[in-house]
Amino acid sequence: MSETKDETIAARISRTLADRIVSGAIEAGAKLRQDHIAAEFGASHVPVREAFRRLEAQGLVVSEPRRGVRVAGFSLDEVREVAEMRAALEVLALRNAAPHLTKAILDRAEEINRAGDRAADVQSWEDANRAFHKIILTPCGMPRLLKAIDDLHTASARFLFSGWRAEWDAPTDRDHRAVLAALRAGEIEMAASVLARHVQWTGQKSQRTGLPARSARR
């Protein structure tokens, strides 16, 4: 199997497992068995190990000598840390993206936000929320920064799913609207300020809805 094909399969495996972990289909503390996953995806152990490394880099799993790989737990401190990191990095990305945000991009972002307001479940809302952030930040043209933000957003989604799994009520995202209004007016610092507040809300929402107790082991 070529290295390129291994990489493609590894990306598919890590994306699928990440979706299951974020949604709660695979719970904190669950062991990920390399043989079982390789069989499910019809893959060798090489791309599975690479997928595990990708998940570990995202903070979704932990690897322990002689104990294998299991889904990571998380604490309120980690929720706050991820929210603070996202706020700082997304503001940096927005400041660099702002000069390249066209009317067409902002119009599309507004459509995505309306779709989020109509979301029937937390998965649909998170898809729209993630798409909104991506469309206004991608024009920054900083791929390493965007990759770091994407990994942090995955962690944020997991925190929100943990709190909203039992009860879902679609929020009306006024912060997104305020960000767009500021960007349309050319008020970049105002947009950045609202964005930072909005991202930090993720941590506050997760704490209010009640995170599951951290798997005390990491």
N, C-alpha and C. Protein backbone atom coordinates (compact mmCIF):
# COMPACT_ATOMS: atom_id res chain seq x y z
N MET A 1 0.85 -1.19 0.00
CA MET A 1 0.00 0.00 0.00
C MET A 1 0.89 1.24 0.00
N SER A 2 0.60 2.19 -0.86
CA SER A 2 1.45 3.37 -0.97
C SER A 2 1.25 4.28 0.22
N GLU A 3 2.27 5.15 0.44
CA GLU A 3 2.18 6.09 1.56
C GLU A 3 1.00 7.03 1.38
N THR A 4 0.76 7.46 0.12
CA THR A 4 -0.35 8.38 -0.14
C THR A 4 -1.70 7.72 0.19
N LYS A 5 -1.85 6.46 -0.20
CA LYS A 5 -3.10 5.75 0.08
C LYS A 5 -3.28 5.54 1.58
N ASP A 6 -2.19 5.20 2.28
CA ASP A 6 -2.25 5.07 3.74
C ASP A 6 -2.72 6.37 4.39
N GLU A 7 -2.18 7.50 3.89
CA GLU A 7 -2.54 8.79 4.45
C GLU A 7 -4.03 9.08 4.23
N THR A 8 -4.53 8.74 3.03
CA THR A 8 -5.94 8.98 2.72
C THR A 8 -6.84 8.14 3.63
N ILE A 9 -6.50 6.87 3.81
CA ILE A 9 -7.29 6.00 4.68
C ILE A 9 -7.20 6.47 6.13
N ALA A 10 -6.01 6.87 6.56
CA ALA A 10 -5.83 7.35 7.93
C ALA A 10 -6.70 8.57 8.19
N ALA A 11 -6.78 9.47 7.22
CA ALA A 11 -7.61 10.67 7.37
C ALA A 11 -9.08 10.29 7.51
N ARG A 12 -9.52 9.31 6.70
CA ARG A 12 -10.92 8.87 6.77
C ARG A 12 -11.22 8.21 8.11
N ILE A 13 -10.30 7.37 8.59
CA ILE A 13 -10.51 6.69 9.87
C ILE A 13 -10.53 7.71 11.00
N SER A 14 -9.57 8.63 11.01
CA SER A 14 -9.51 9.60 12.11
C SER A 14 -10.73 10.51 12.10
N ARG A 15 -11.20 10.89 10.91
CA ARG A 15 -12.39 11.75 10.82
C ARG A 15 -13.62 11.03 11.34
N THR A 16 -13.77 9.77 10.96
CA THR A 16 -14.94 8.99 11.40
C THR A 16 -14.91 8.78 12.92
N LEU A 17 -13.76 8.41 13.45
CA LEU A 17 -13.64 8.20 14.89
C LEU A 17 -13.84 9.50 15.65
N ALA A 18 -13.30 10.60 15.11
CA ALA A 18 -13.48 11.90 15.76
C ALA A 18 -14.96 12.25 15.84
N ASP A 19 -15.69 12.01 14.75
CA ASP A 19 -17.13 12.30 14.76
C ASP A 19 -17.85 11.48 15.84
N ARG A 20 -17.46 10.23 15.99
CA ARG A 20 -18.09 9.37 16.99
C ARG A 20 -17.76 9.82 18.41
N ILE A 21 -16.52 10.25 18.61
CA ILE A 21 -16.11 10.70 19.95
C ILE A 21 -16.80 12.02 20.29
N VAL A 22 -16.81 12.95 19.33
CA VAL A 22 -17.42 14.26 19.57
C VAL A 22 -18.91 14.12 19.86
N SER A 23 -19.59 13.26 19.13
CA SER A 23 -21.04 13.09 19.31
C SER A 23 -21.39 12.31 20.57
N GLY A 24 -20.38 11.64 21.16
CA GLY A 24 -20.64 10.83 22.35
C GLY A 24 -20.96 9.38 22.04
N ALA A 25 -20.94 9.01 20.74
CA ALA A 25 -21.19 7.62 20.38
C ALA A 25 -20.12 6.71 20.97
N ILE A 26 -18.90 7.22 21.08
CA ILE A 26 -17.82 6.53 21.80
C ILE A 26 -17.52 7.39 23.02
N GLU A 27 -17.69 6.85 24.20
CA GLU A 27 -17.59 7.64 25.42
C GLU A 27 -16.17 7.72 25.96
N ALA A 28 -15.97 8.71 26.82
CA ALA A 28 -14.67 8.87 27.48
C ALA A 28 -14.29 7.60 28.22
N GLY A 29 -13.04 7.21 28.07
CA GLY A 29 -12.55 6.01 28.74
C GLY A 29 -12.63 4.76 27.90
N ALA A 30 -13.41 4.80 26.81
CA ALA A 30 -13.54 3.61 25.96
C ALA A 30 -12.22 3.31 25.27
N LYS A 31 -11.89 2.03 25.18
CA LYS A 31 -10.65 1.62 24.53
C LYS A 31 -10.87 1.46 23.03
N LEU A 32 -9.94 1.97 22.24
CA LEU A 32 -10.00 1.82 20.79
C LEU A 32 -9.08 0.67 20.40
N ARG A 33 -9.65 -0.38 19.90
CA ARG A 33 -8.88 -1.58 19.58
C ARG A 33 -8.44 -1.55 18.11
N GLN A 34 -7.14 -1.57 17.95
CA GLN A 34 -6.55 -1.43 16.62
C GLN A 34 -7.05 -2.50 15.66
N ASP A 35 -7.12 -3.76 16.12
CA ASP A 35 -7.56 -4.86 15.26
C ASP A 35 -9.00 -4.64 14.78
N HIS A 36 -9.86 -4.26 15.71
CA HIS A 36 -11.27 -4.07 15.36
C HIS A 36 -11.45 -2.93 14.35
N ILE A 37 -10.73 -1.84 14.56
CA ILE A 37 -10.87 -0.69 13.67
C ILE A 37 -10.29 -1.01 12.29
N ALA A 38 -9.16 -1.71 12.26
CA ALA A 38 -8.58 -2.10 10.98
C ALA A 38 -9.56 -2.97 10.20
N ALA A 39 -10.23 -3.89 10.89
CA ALA A 39 -11.20 -4.77 10.24
C ALA A 39 -12.41 -3.99 9.74
N GLU A 40 -12.89 -3.05 10.55
CA GLU A 40 -14.06 -2.25 10.15
C GLU A 40 -13.80 -1.48 8.87
N PHE A 41 -12.60 -0.92 8.74
CA PHE A 41 -12.30 -0.08 7.59
C PHE A 41 -11.57 -0.84 6.47
N GLY A 42 -11.34 -2.13 6.69
CA GLY A 42 -10.64 -2.90 5.67
C GLY A 42 -9.25 -2.38 5.42
N ALA A 43 -8.57 -2.00 6.50
CA ALA A 43 -7.25 -1.37 6.38
C ALA A 43 -6.21 -2.17 7.14
N SER A 44 -4.95 -1.89 6.86
CA SER A 44 -3.86 -2.47 7.62
C SER A 44 -3.70 -1.67 8.92
N HIS A 45 -2.78 -2.09 9.76
CA HIS A 45 -2.56 -1.39 11.02
C HIS A 45 -1.84 -0.05 10.83
N VAL A 46 -1.17 0.11 9.69
CA VAL A 46 -0.39 1.34 9.46
C VAL A 46 -1.28 2.58 9.47
N PRO A 47 -2.34 2.67 8.64
CA PRO A 47 -3.19 3.86 8.69
C PRO A 47 -3.97 3.99 9.99
N VAL A 48 -4.28 2.88 10.65
CA VAL A 48 -4.98 2.96 11.93
C VAL A 48 -4.09 3.63 12.97
N ARG A 49 -2.81 3.24 13.01
CA ARG A 49 -1.89 3.89 13.96
C ARG A 49 -1.74 5.37 13.65
N GLU A 50 -1.71 5.72 12.36
CA GLU A 50 -1.62 7.13 11.98
C GLU A 50 -2.89 7.88 12.40
N ALA A 51 -4.04 7.24 12.25
CA ALA A 51 -5.31 7.85 12.68
C ALA A 51 -5.29 8.10 14.18
N PHE A 52 -4.76 7.15 14.94
CA PHE A 52 -4.66 7.33 16.39
C PHE A 52 -3.77 8.52 16.73
N ARG A 53 -2.66 8.67 15.99
CA ARG A 53 -1.78 9.81 16.25
C ARG A 53 -2.49 11.13 15.98
N ARG A 54 -3.29 11.16 14.93
CA ARG A 54 -4.04 12.39 14.61
C ARG A 54 -5.06 12.70 15.71
N LEU A 55 -5.74 11.68 16.18
CA LEU A 55 -6.72 11.89 17.25
C LEU A 55 -6.05 12.33 18.54
N GLU A 56 -4.87 11.80 18.80
CA GLU A 56 -4.14 12.20 20.01
C GLU A 56 -3.71 13.66 19.91
N ALA A 57 -3.30 14.09 18.72
CA ALA A 57 -2.91 15.49 18.52
C ALA A 57 -4.10 16.43 18.74
N GLN A 58 -5.31 15.93 18.48
CA GLN A 58 -6.52 16.74 18.71
C GLN A 58 -6.98 16.68 20.16
N GLY A 59 -6.34 15.86 20.97
CA GLY A 59 -6.73 15.74 22.36
C GLY A 59 -7.93 14.84 22.57
N LEU A 60 -8.29 14.03 21.56
CA LEU A 60 -9.47 13.19 21.67
C LEU A 60 -9.17 11.82 22.25
N VAL A 61 -7.93 11.35 22.12
CA VAL A 61 -7.55 10.06 22.69
C VAL A 61 -6.22 10.21 23.40
N VAL A 62 -5.93 9.24 24.24
CA VAL A 62 -4.62 9.18 24.90
C VAL A 62 -4.04 7.79 24.67
N SER A 63 -2.73 7.74 24.50
CA SER A 63 -2.03 6.47 24.29
C SER A 63 -1.19 6.18 25.52
N GLU A 64 -1.34 4.97 26.07
CA GLU A 64 -0.61 4.60 27.27
C GLU A 64 0.21 3.34 27.02
N PRO A 65 1.47 3.33 27.41
CA PRO A 65 2.31 2.14 27.21
C PRO A 65 1.66 0.90 27.79
N ARG A 66 1.60 -0.13 26.97
CA ARG A 66 1.07 -1.46 27.36
C ARG A 66 -0.43 -1.45 27.67
N ARG A 67 -1.07 -0.30 27.52
CA ARG A 67 -2.52 -0.25 27.78
C ARG A 67 -3.31 0.16 26.56
N GLY A 68 -2.62 0.53 25.51
CA GLY A 68 -3.28 0.88 24.27
C GLY A 68 -3.82 2.31 24.23
N VAL A 69 -4.81 2.50 23.38
CA VAL A 69 -5.38 3.83 23.13
C VAL A 69 -6.82 3.86 23.62
N ARG A 70 -7.16 4.93 24.32
CA ARG A 70 -8.54 5.08 24.80
C ARG A 70 -8.99 6.52 24.62
N VAL A 71 -10.28 6.73 24.65
CA VAL A 71 -10.86 8.06 24.49
C VAL A 71 -10.55 8.90 25.73
N ALA A 72 -10.07 10.10 25.51
CA ALA A 72 -9.68 10.98 26.61
C ALA A 72 -10.90 11.54 27.32
N GLY A 73 -10.75 11.76 28.61
CA GLY A 73 -11.75 12.51 29.36
C GLY A 73 -11.40 13.99 29.27
N PHE A 74 -12.18 14.84 29.91
CA PHE A 74 -11.83 16.27 29.93
C PHE A 74 -12.42 16.92 31.16
N SER A 75 -11.81 18.01 31.55
CA SER A 75 -12.20 18.71 32.78
C SER A 75 -12.68 20.13 32.45
N LEU A 76 -13.24 20.80 33.45
CA LEU A 76 -13.67 22.18 33.26
C LEU A 76 -12.49 23.08 32.94
N ASP A 77 -11.33 22.78 33.52
CA ASP A 77 -10.13 23.57 33.21
C ASP A 77 -9.79 23.48 31.74
N GLU A 78 -9.94 22.28 31.17
CA GLU A 78 -9.64 22.10 29.75
C GLU A 78 -10.66 22.82 28.88
N VAL A 79 -11.90 22.83 29.29
CA VAL A 79 -12.94 23.56 28.56
C VAL A 79 -12.57 25.04 28.49
N ARG A 80 -12.19 25.59 29.63
CA ARG A 80 -11.80 27.01 29.67
C ARG A 80 -10.56 27.28 28.84
N GLU A 81 -9.59 26.37 28.91
CA GLU A 81 -8.36 26.54 28.16
C GLU A 81 -8.61 26.55 26.66
N VAL A 82 -9.41 25.60 26.19
CA VAL A 82 -9.72 25.52 24.77
C VAL A 82 -10.46 26.78 24.31
N ALA A 83 -11.40 27.26 25.12
CA ALA A 83 -12.15 28.46 24.76
C ALA A 83 -11.23 29.67 24.66
N GLU A 84 -10.31 29.82 25.61
CA GLU A 84 -9.36 30.95 25.59
C GLU A 84 -8.44 30.86 24.37
N MET A 85 -7.96 29.65 24.07
CA MET A 85 -7.07 29.47 22.92
C MET A 85 -7.80 29.77 21.62
N ARG A 86 -9.02 29.24 21.50
CA ARG A 86 -9.80 29.51 20.30
C ARG A 86 -10.05 31.00 20.11
N ALA A 87 -10.40 31.68 21.19
CA ALA A 87 -10.69 33.11 21.10
C ALA A 87 -9.47 33.86 20.56
N ALA A 88 -8.31 33.56 21.12
CA ALA A 88 -7.09 34.27 20.70
C ALA A 88 -6.75 33.98 19.24
N LEU A 89 -6.81 32.70 18.86
CA LEU A 89 -6.41 32.32 17.51
C LEU A 89 -7.43 32.77 16.46
N GLU A 90 -8.71 32.69 16.80
CA GLU A 90 -9.72 33.11 15.82
C GLU A 90 -9.69 34.62 15.61
N VAL A 91 -9.40 35.37 16.64
CA VAL A 91 -9.26 36.82 16.48
C VAL A 91 -8.08 37.13 15.56
N LEU A 92 -6.97 36.43 15.76
CA LEU A 92 -5.81 36.62 14.88
C LEU A 92 -6.18 36.30 13.43
N ALA A 93 -6.87 35.19 13.23
CA ALA A 93 -7.27 34.81 11.87
C ALA A 93 -8.23 35.83 11.27
N LEU A 94 -9.19 36.31 12.06
CA LEU A 94 -10.17 37.26 11.54
C LEU A 94 -9.50 38.57 11.12
N ARG A 95 -8.58 39.05 11.92
CA ARG A 95 -7.89 40.31 11.57
C ARG A 95 -7.15 40.18 10.25
N ASN A 96 -6.60 39.00 9.98
CA ASN A 96 -5.89 38.78 8.72
C ASN A 96 -6.83 38.46 7.57
N ALA A 97 -8.00 37.92 7.89
CA ALA A 97 -8.97 37.58 6.86
C ALA A 97 -9.78 38.78 6.41
N ALA A 98 -10.01 39.73 7.34
CA ALA A 98 -10.93 40.84 7.08
C ALA A 98 -10.70 41.58 5.76
N PRO A 99 -9.45 41.89 5.38
CA PRO A 99 -9.25 42.62 4.12
C PRO A 99 -9.69 41.83 2.88
N HIS A 100 -9.88 40.53 3.04
CA HIS A 100 -10.21 39.67 1.90
C HIS A 100 -11.66 39.20 1.91
N LEU A 101 -12.44 39.69 2.86
CA LEU A 101 -13.84 39.26 2.97
C LEU A 101 -14.70 40.08 2.02
N THR A 102 -15.19 39.43 0.98
CA THR A 102 -16.03 40.10 -0.01
C THR A 102 -17.49 40.07 0.44
N LYS A 103 -18.31 40.85 -0.26
CA LYS A 103 -19.74 40.85 0.02
C LYS A 103 -20.32 39.44 -0.18
N ALA A 104 -19.85 38.74 -1.20
CA ALA A 104 -20.34 37.39 -1.47
C ALA A 104 -20.04 36.44 -0.31
N ILE A 105 -18.85 36.56 0.26
CA ILE A 105 -18.47 35.71 1.40
C ILE A 105 -19.36 36.03 2.60
N LEU A 106 -19.56 37.31 2.87
CA LEU A 106 -20.37 37.70 4.02
C LEU A 106 -21.84 37.31 3.82
N ASP A 107 -22.32 37.40 2.58
CA ASP A 107 -23.69 36.97 2.29
C ASP A 107 -23.84 35.47 2.54
N ARG A 108 -22.84 34.71 2.11
CA ARG A 108 -22.88 33.26 2.32
C ARG A 108 -22.84 32.94 3.81
N ALA A 109 -22.00 33.67 4.58
CA ALA A 109 -21.93 33.47 6.02
C ALA A 109 -23.28 33.74 6.67
N GLU A 110 -23.99 34.73 6.16
CA GLU A 110 -25.32 35.05 6.71
C GLU A 110 -26.31 33.92 6.43
N GLU A 111 -26.24 33.34 5.24
CA GLU A 111 -27.10 32.20 4.91
C GLU A 111 -26.82 31.02 5.84
N ILE A 112 -25.54 30.76 6.08
CA ILE A 112 -25.16 29.66 6.97
C ILE A 112 -25.69 29.90 8.38
N ASN A 113 -25.61 31.14 8.83
CA ASN A 113 -26.09 31.46 10.17
C ASN A 113 -27.60 31.23 10.28
N ARG A 114 -28.34 31.58 9.24
CA ARG A 114 -29.79 31.34 9.25
C ARG A 114 -30.08 29.85 9.30
N ALA A 115 -29.26 29.06 8.61
CA ALA A 115 -29.44 27.61 8.65
C ALA A 115 -29.23 27.09 10.07
N GLY A 116 -28.25 27.67 10.78
CA GLY A 116 -28.02 27.28 12.17
C GLY A 116 -29.20 27.62 13.05
N ASP A 117 -29.82 28.76 12.81
CA ASP A 117 -30.99 29.17 13.60
C ASP A 117 -32.16 28.20 13.40
N ARG A 118 -32.20 27.55 12.23
CA ARG A 118 -33.30 26.62 11.94
C ARG A 118 -32.95 25.17 12.31
N ALA A 119 -31.78 24.95 12.88
CA ALA A 119 -31.31 23.59 13.14
C ALA A 119 -32.28 22.82 14.02
N ALA A 120 -32.52 21.57 13.65
CA ALA A 120 -33.45 20.72 14.39
C ALA A 120 -32.75 19.92 15.48
N ASP A 121 -31.43 19.86 15.43
CA ASP A 121 -30.69 19.10 16.42
C ASP A 121 -29.30 19.69 16.58
N VAL A 122 -28.59 19.23 17.61
CA VAL A 122 -27.29 19.80 17.92
C VAL A 122 -26.28 19.54 16.82
N GLN A 123 -26.36 18.38 16.14
CA GLN A 123 -25.42 18.09 15.06
C GLN A 123 -25.58 19.08 13.91
N SER A 124 -26.81 19.35 13.52
CA SER A 124 -27.07 20.30 12.43
C SER A 124 -26.60 21.70 12.82
N TRP A 125 -26.86 22.07 14.08
CA TRP A 125 -26.42 23.40 14.53
C TRP A 125 -24.90 23.49 14.52
N GLU A 126 -24.22 22.46 15.02
CA GLU A 126 -22.76 22.50 15.06
C GLU A 126 -22.17 22.53 13.66
N ASP A 127 -22.77 21.81 12.71
CA ASP A 127 -22.30 21.85 11.32
C ASP A 127 -22.36 23.29 10.78
N ALA A 128 -23.49 23.96 11.05
CA ALA A 128 -23.64 25.33 10.57
C ALA A 128 -22.70 26.28 11.31
N ASN A 129 -22.58 26.09 12.62
CA ASN A 129 -21.70 26.93 13.41
C ASN A 129 -20.25 26.83 12.92
N ARG A 130 -19.81 25.61 12.68
CA ARG A 130 -18.44 25.39 12.22
C ARG A 130 -18.24 26.00 10.84
N ALA A 131 -19.24 25.83 9.97
CA ALA A 131 -19.15 26.39 8.61
C ALA A 131 -19.07 27.91 8.65
N PHE A 132 -19.83 28.54 9.57
CA PHE A 132 -19.80 29.99 9.69
C PHE A 132 -18.40 30.48 10.05
N HIS A 133 -17.82 29.88 11.08
CA HIS A 133 -16.48 30.29 11.49
C HIS A 133 -15.47 30.06 10.37
N LYS A 134 -15.60 28.92 9.69
CA LYS A 134 -14.64 28.58 8.64
C LYS A 134 -14.68 29.58 7.49
N ILE A 135 -15.88 29.98 7.08
CA ILE A 135 -15.99 30.83 5.90
C ILE A 135 -15.44 32.23 6.14
N ILE A 136 -15.55 32.73 7.38
CA ILE A 136 -15.03 34.09 7.62
C ILE A 136 -13.56 34.09 8.01
N LEU A 137 -13.02 32.92 8.39
CA LEU A 137 -11.62 32.86 8.82
C LEU A 137 -10.67 32.36 7.72
N THR A 138 -11.16 31.50 6.83
CA THR A 138 -10.30 30.90 5.81
C THR A 138 -9.56 31.91 4.95
N PRO A 139 -10.16 33.08 4.60
CA PRO A 139 -9.43 34.03 3.77
C PRO A 139 -8.17 34.61 4.42
N CYS A 140 -7.89 34.28 5.67
CA CYS A 140 -6.65 34.76 6.29
C CYS A 140 -5.43 34.18 5.58
N GLY A 141 -5.61 33.02 4.90
CA GLY A 141 -4.52 32.44 4.15
C GLY A 141 -3.37 31.93 4.99
N MET A 142 -3.69 31.47 6.22
CA MET A 142 -2.67 30.98 7.15
C MET A 142 -3.01 29.53 7.51
N PRO A 143 -2.56 28.56 6.71
CA PRO A 143 -3.01 27.18 6.89
C PRO A 143 -2.67 26.56 8.24
N ARG A 144 -1.51 26.87 8.81
CA ARG A 144 -1.17 26.29 10.12
C ARG A 144 -2.10 26.82 11.20
N LEU A 145 -2.38 28.10 11.12
CA LEU A 145 -3.29 28.71 12.09
C LEU A 145 -4.68 28.09 11.95
N LEU A 146 -5.15 27.93 10.72
CA LEU A 146 -6.48 27.36 10.49
C LEU A 146 -6.56 25.92 10.97
N LYS A 147 -5.47 25.16 10.80
CA LYS A 147 -5.45 23.77 11.28
C LYS A 147 -5.56 23.74 12.80
N ALA A 148 -4.83 24.63 13.48
CA ALA A 148 -4.90 24.68 14.94
C ALA A 148 -6.31 25.04 15.40
N ILE A 149 -6.94 26.00 14.72
CA ILE A 149 -8.30 26.40 15.06
C ILE A 149 -9.27 25.24 14.84
N ASP A 150 -9.09 24.52 13.74
CA ASP A 150 -9.97 23.40 13.44
C ASP A 150 -9.90 22.32 14.53
N ASP A 151 -8.68 22.02 14.99
CA ASP A 151 -8.53 21.03 16.07
C ASP A 151 -9.21 21.50 17.35
N LEU A 152 -9.05 22.79 17.67
CA LEU A 152 -9.68 23.33 18.87
C LEU A 152 -11.20 23.34 18.74
N HIS A 153 -11.68 23.58 17.52
CA HIS A 153 -13.14 23.59 17.32
C HIS A 153 -13.71 22.19 17.53
N THR A 154 -12.94 21.18 17.13
CA THR A 154 -13.38 19.80 17.37
C THR A 154 -13.55 19.54 18.86
N ALA A 155 -12.57 20.00 19.65
CA ALA A 155 -12.67 19.85 21.11
C ALA A 155 -13.87 20.61 21.65
N SER A 156 -14.09 21.83 21.16
CA SER A 156 -15.23 22.63 21.62
C SER A 156 -16.55 21.94 21.32
N ALA A 157 -16.64 21.34 20.13
CA ALA A 157 -17.87 20.65 19.75
C ALA A 157 -18.15 19.50 20.71
N ARG A 158 -17.11 18.80 21.10
CA ARG A 158 -17.29 17.69 22.04
C ARG A 158 -17.85 18.19 23.37
N PHE A 159 -17.34 19.31 23.85
CA PHE A 159 -17.83 19.86 25.12
C PHE A 159 -19.31 20.21 25.01
N LEU A 160 -19.69 20.85 23.89
CA LEU A 160 -21.08 21.24 23.72
C LEU A 160 -22.00 20.03 23.59
N PHE A 161 -21.57 19.03 22.84
CA PHE A 161 -22.38 17.82 22.69
C PHE A 161 -22.62 17.17 24.05
N SER A 162 -21.61 17.18 24.90
CA SER A 162 -21.75 16.52 26.19
C SER A 162 -22.83 17.20 27.03
N GLY A 163 -22.98 18.51 26.87
CA GLY A 163 -23.97 19.23 27.65
C GLY A 163 -25.35 19.22 27.03
N TRP A 164 -25.40 19.16 25.68
CA TRP A 164 -26.68 19.29 24.99
C TRP A 164 -27.27 17.96 24.55
N ARG A 165 -26.60 16.86 24.83
CA ARG A 165 -27.07 15.57 24.32
C ARG A 165 -28.47 15.25 24.83
N ALA A 166 -28.73 15.56 26.10
CA ALA A 166 -30.01 15.19 26.69
C ALA A 166 -31.13 16.17 26.34
N GLU A 167 -30.77 17.43 26.14
CA GLU A 167 -31.80 18.45 25.90
C GLU A 167 -31.29 19.43 24.86
N TRP A 168 -32.05 19.63 23.81
CA TRP A 168 -31.59 20.50 22.72
C TRP A 168 -32.60 21.61 22.46
N ASP A 169 -32.10 22.82 22.38
CA ASP A 169 -32.92 23.96 22.02
C ASP A 169 -32.05 24.86 21.15
N ALA A 170 -32.38 24.97 19.88
CA ALA A 170 -31.53 25.72 18.95
C ALA A 170 -31.41 27.18 19.39
N PRO A 171 -30.17 27.65 19.56
CA PRO A 171 -29.98 29.06 19.94
C PRO A 171 -30.08 29.96 18.72
N THR A 172 -30.52 31.18 18.92
CA THR A 172 -30.45 32.18 17.87
C THR A 172 -29.11 32.89 18.02
N ASP A 173 -28.26 32.79 17.00
CA ASP A 173 -26.89 33.28 17.18
C ASP A 173 -26.76 34.76 16.88
N ARG A 174 -27.06 35.57 17.88
CA ARG A 174 -26.95 37.03 17.72
C ARG A 174 -25.50 37.46 17.59
N ASP A 175 -24.58 36.71 18.21
CA ASP A 175 -23.16 37.08 18.10
C ASP A 175 -22.69 36.97 16.65
N HIS A 176 -23.09 35.93 15.96
CA HIS A 176 -22.71 35.80 14.55
C HIS A 176 -23.23 37.00 13.76
N ARG A 177 -24.46 37.37 14.03
CA ARG A 177 -25.04 38.52 13.32
C ARG A 177 -24.27 39.80 13.62
N ALA A 178 -23.87 39.96 14.88
CA ALA A 178 -23.11 41.15 15.26
C ALA A 178 -21.74 41.17 14.60
N VAL A 179 -21.10 40.01 14.50
CA VAL A 179 -19.81 39.92 13.81
C VAL A 179 -19.97 40.35 12.35
N LEU A 180 -21.00 39.82 11.69
CA LEU A 180 -21.22 40.16 10.28
C LEU A 180 -21.52 41.65 10.11
N ALA A 181 -22.34 42.20 10.99
CA ALA A 181 -22.67 43.63 10.89
C ALA A 181 -21.42 44.49 11.03
N ALA A 182 -20.56 44.12 11.96
CA ALA A 182 -19.32 44.88 12.16
C ALA A 182 -18.40 44.75 10.95
N LEU A 183 -18.30 43.55 10.39
CA LEU A 183 -17.45 43.34 9.22
C LEU A 183 -17.97 44.13 8.02
N ARG A 184 -19.29 44.14 7.83
CA ARG A 184 -19.87 44.89 6.71
C ARG A 184 -19.61 46.39 6.87
N ALA A 185 -19.55 46.84 8.12
CA ALA A 185 -19.31 48.27 8.39
C ALA A 185 -17.82 48.62 8.39
N GLY A 186 -16.98 47.62 8.23
CA GLY A 186 -15.54 47.87 8.24
C GLY A 186 -14.98 48.05 9.64
N GLU A 187 -15.74 47.65 10.66
CA GLU A 187 -15.30 47.81 12.06
C GLU A 187 -14.65 46.50 12.51
N ILE A 188 -13.41 46.32 12.09
CA ILE A 188 -12.72 45.05 12.29
C ILE A 188 -12.50 44.73 13.76
N GLU A 189 -12.08 45.73 14.53
CA GLU A 189 -11.82 45.48 15.96
C GLU A 189 -13.10 45.15 16.72
N MET A 190 -14.20 45.76 16.32
CA MET A 190 -15.48 45.43 16.94
C MET A 190 -15.84 43.98 16.61
N ALA A 191 -15.66 43.59 15.35
CA ALA A 191 -15.94 42.21 14.95
C ALA A 191 -15.07 41.23 15.74
N ALA A 192 -13.80 41.58 15.89
CA ALA A 192 -12.88 40.71 16.63
C ALA A 192 -13.28 40.59 18.09
N SER A 193 -13.73 41.69 18.69
CA SER A 193 -14.15 41.67 20.09
C SER A 193 -15.38 40.79 20.29
N VAL A 194 -16.34 40.91 19.39
CA VAL A 194 -17.56 40.10 19.50
C VAL A 194 -17.22 38.63 19.28
N LEU A 195 -16.33 38.36 18.32
CA LEU A 195 -15.95 36.97 18.05
C LEU A 195 -15.28 36.34 19.27
N ALA A 196 -14.39 37.08 19.92
CA ALA A 196 -13.71 36.55 21.10
C ALA A 196 -14.72 36.23 22.20
N ARG A 197 -15.67 37.13 22.42
CA ARG A 197 -16.70 36.91 23.45
C ARG A 197 -17.54 35.68 23.09
N HIS A 198 -17.88 35.57 21.82
CA HIS A 198 -18.71 34.46 21.36
C HIS A 198 -18.03 33.11 21.58
N VAL A 199 -16.74 33.02 21.26
CA VAL A 199 -16.02 31.76 21.40
C VAL A 199 -15.87 31.40 22.88
N GLN A 200 -15.63 32.39 23.73
CA GLN A 200 -15.49 32.12 25.16
C GLN A 200 -16.82 31.65 25.76
N TRP A 201 -17.92 32.01 25.12
CA TRP A 201 -19.23 31.54 25.57
C TRP A 201 -19.31 30.02 25.53
N THR A 202 -18.55 29.40 24.61
CA THR A 202 -18.57 27.94 24.50
C THR A 202 -18.20 27.30 25.84
N GLY A 203 -17.12 27.81 26.44
CA GLY A 203 -16.70 27.27 27.72
C GLY A 203 -17.73 27.51 28.80
N GLN A 204 -18.33 28.71 28.80
CA GLN A 204 -19.33 29.03 29.82
C GLN A 204 -20.57 28.16 29.65
N LYS A 205 -20.98 27.93 28.39
CA LYS A 205 -22.16 27.10 28.12
C LYS A 205 -21.92 25.67 28.58
N SER A 206 -20.74 25.15 28.29
CA SER A 206 -20.42 23.78 28.68
C SER A 206 -20.47 23.63 30.20
N GLN A 207 -19.97 24.63 30.92
CA GLN A 207 -19.96 24.55 32.38
C GLN A 207 -21.39 24.64 32.93
N ARG A 208 -22.22 25.47 32.32
CA ARG A 208 -23.59 25.63 32.83
C ARG A 208 -24.43 24.39 32.58
N THR A 209 -24.21 23.75 31.43
CA THR A 209 -25.03 22.59 31.11
C THR A 209 -24.57 21.36 31.86
N GLY A 210 -23.37 21.40 32.43
CA GLY A 210 -22.94 20.30 33.26
C GLY A 210 -22.15 19.26 32.51
N LEU A 211 -20.82 19.37 32.56
CA LEU A 211 -19.97 18.37 31.93
C LEU A 211 -20.00 17.08 32.71
N PRO A 212 -19.84 15.95 32.02
CA PRO A 212 -19.69 14.70 32.75
C PRO A 212 -18.41 14.75 33.54
N ALA A 213 -18.38 14.08 34.67
CA ALA A 213 -17.17 14.09 35.48
C ALA A 213 -16.01 13.58 34.67
N ARG A 214 -14.90 14.24 34.82
CA ARG A 214 -13.70 13.87 34.07
C ARG A 214 -13.30 12.46 34.43
N SER A 215 -12.95 11.70 33.43
CA SER A 215 -12.32 10.43 33.66
C SER A 215 -11.08 10.80 34.40
N ALA A 216 -11.00 10.61 35.65
CA ALA A 216 -9.93 11.17 36.42
C ALA A 216 -8.58 10.81 35.87
N ARG A 217 -8.50 9.74 35.09
CA ARG A 217 -7.22 9.41 34.46
C ARG A 217 -7.18 10.07 33.10
N ARG A 218 -6.06 10.40 32.67
CA ARG A 218 -5.88 11.05 31.38
C ARG A 218 -5.05 10.22 30.48
